[in-house]
């Protein structure tokens, strides 16, 4: 369901986490304009 893109030791970055982070960044960017 959420494939792991890459990991740093015990920290895993999943596609779901990337989408949440991108959504938050885009939301902040739009809000600041």
N, C-alpha and C. Protein backbone atom coordinates (compact mmCIF):
# COMPACT_ATOMS: atom_id res chain seq x y z
N UNK A 1 0.84 -1.21 0.00
CA UNK A 1 0.00 0.00 0.00
C UNK A 1 0.87 1.25 0.00
N UNK A 2 1.82 1.32 0.93
CA UNK A 2 2.73 2.46 0.97
C UNK A 2 4.16 1.97 0.77
N UNK A 3 4.58 1.82 -0.48
CA UNK A 3 5.94 1.34 -0.73
C UNK A 3 6.98 2.32 -0.20
N UNK A 4 8.07 1.79 0.32
CA UNK A 4 9.14 2.62 0.86
C UNK A 4 10.02 3.10 -0.28
N UNK A 5 10.18 4.41 -0.41
CA UNK A 5 11.03 4.97 -1.46
C UNK A 5 12.49 4.79 -1.10
N UNK A 6 12.87 5.23 0.11
CA UNK A 6 14.24 5.04 0.58
C UNK A 6 14.25 5.14 2.09
N UNK A 7 15.35 4.75 2.70
CA UNK A 7 15.41 4.78 4.16
C UNK A 7 16.79 5.21 4.63
N UNK A 8 16.81 5.87 5.78
CA UNK A 8 18.05 6.27 6.44
C UNK A 8 18.09 5.52 7.77
N UNK A 9 18.78 4.41 7.79
CA UNK A 9 18.83 3.61 9.00
C UNK A 9 17.44 3.08 9.33
N UNK A 10 16.87 3.54 10.46
CA UNK A 10 15.54 3.07 10.85
C UNK A 10 14.44 3.99 10.35
N UNK A 11 14.83 5.11 9.70
CA UNK A 11 13.83 6.07 9.21
C UNK A 11 13.47 5.74 7.77
N UNK A 12 12.19 5.47 7.54
CA UNK A 12 11.73 5.11 6.20
C UNK A 12 10.91 6.25 5.60
N UNK A 13 11.12 6.51 4.32
CA UNK A 13 10.33 7.52 3.60
C UNK A 13 9.41 6.79 2.64
N UNK A 14 8.10 6.92 2.87
CA UNK A 14 7.12 6.24 2.03
C UNK A 14 6.50 7.23 1.04
N UNK A 15 5.85 6.70 0.01
CA UNK A 15 5.19 7.57 -0.96
C UNK A 15 4.10 8.38 -0.28
N UNK A 16 3.43 7.80 0.72
CA UNK A 16 2.38 8.51 1.45
C UNK A 16 2.97 9.71 2.19
N UNK A 17 4.11 9.50 2.85
CA UNK A 17 4.77 10.59 3.56
C UNK A 17 5.20 11.70 2.62
N UNK A 18 5.69 11.33 1.44
CA UNK A 18 6.12 12.34 0.46
C UNK A 18 4.92 13.15 -0.01
N UNK A 19 3.78 12.49 -0.26
CA UNK A 19 2.59 13.21 -0.71
C UNK A 19 2.08 14.16 0.38
N UNK A 20 2.13 13.73 1.63
CA UNK A 20 1.69 14.60 2.73
C UNK A 20 2.61 15.81 2.83
N UNK A 21 3.93 15.59 2.73
CA UNK A 21 4.89 16.68 2.82
C UNK A 21 4.71 17.65 1.66
N UNK A 22 4.52 17.12 0.45
CA UNK A 22 4.32 18.00 -0.71
C UNK A 22 3.03 18.81 -0.56
N UNK A 23 1.99 18.17 -0.07
CA UNK A 23 0.73 18.89 0.12
C UNK A 23 0.88 20.02 1.13
N UNK A 24 1.61 19.77 2.21
CA UNK A 24 1.82 20.79 3.23
C UNK A 24 2.65 21.94 2.67
N UNK A 25 3.71 21.63 1.92
CA UNK A 25 4.55 22.68 1.34
C UNK A 25 3.78 23.52 0.34
N UNK A 26 3.01 22.87 -0.53
CA UNK A 26 2.22 23.61 -1.51
C UNK A 26 1.17 24.46 -0.81
N UNK A 27 0.56 23.93 0.24
CA UNK A 27 -0.43 24.69 0.98
C UNK A 27 0.17 25.94 1.61
N UNK A 28 1.35 25.79 2.21
CA UNK A 28 2.02 26.95 2.80
C UNK A 28 2.40 27.96 1.73
N UNK A 29 2.90 27.47 0.59
CA UNK A 29 3.32 28.36 -0.50
C UNK A 29 2.14 29.17 -1.03
N UNK A 30 1.00 28.49 -1.22
CA UNK A 30 -0.19 29.18 -1.72
C UNK A 30 -0.71 30.16 -0.67
N UNK A 31 -0.65 29.77 0.59
CA UNK A 31 -1.16 30.61 1.67
C UNK A 31 -0.33 31.89 1.81
N UNK A 32 0.98 31.82 1.54
CA UNK A 32 1.86 32.98 1.71
C UNK A 32 1.81 33.94 0.52
N UNK A 33 1.22 33.54 -0.60
CA UNK A 33 1.22 34.40 -1.78
C UNK A 33 0.30 35.60 -1.59
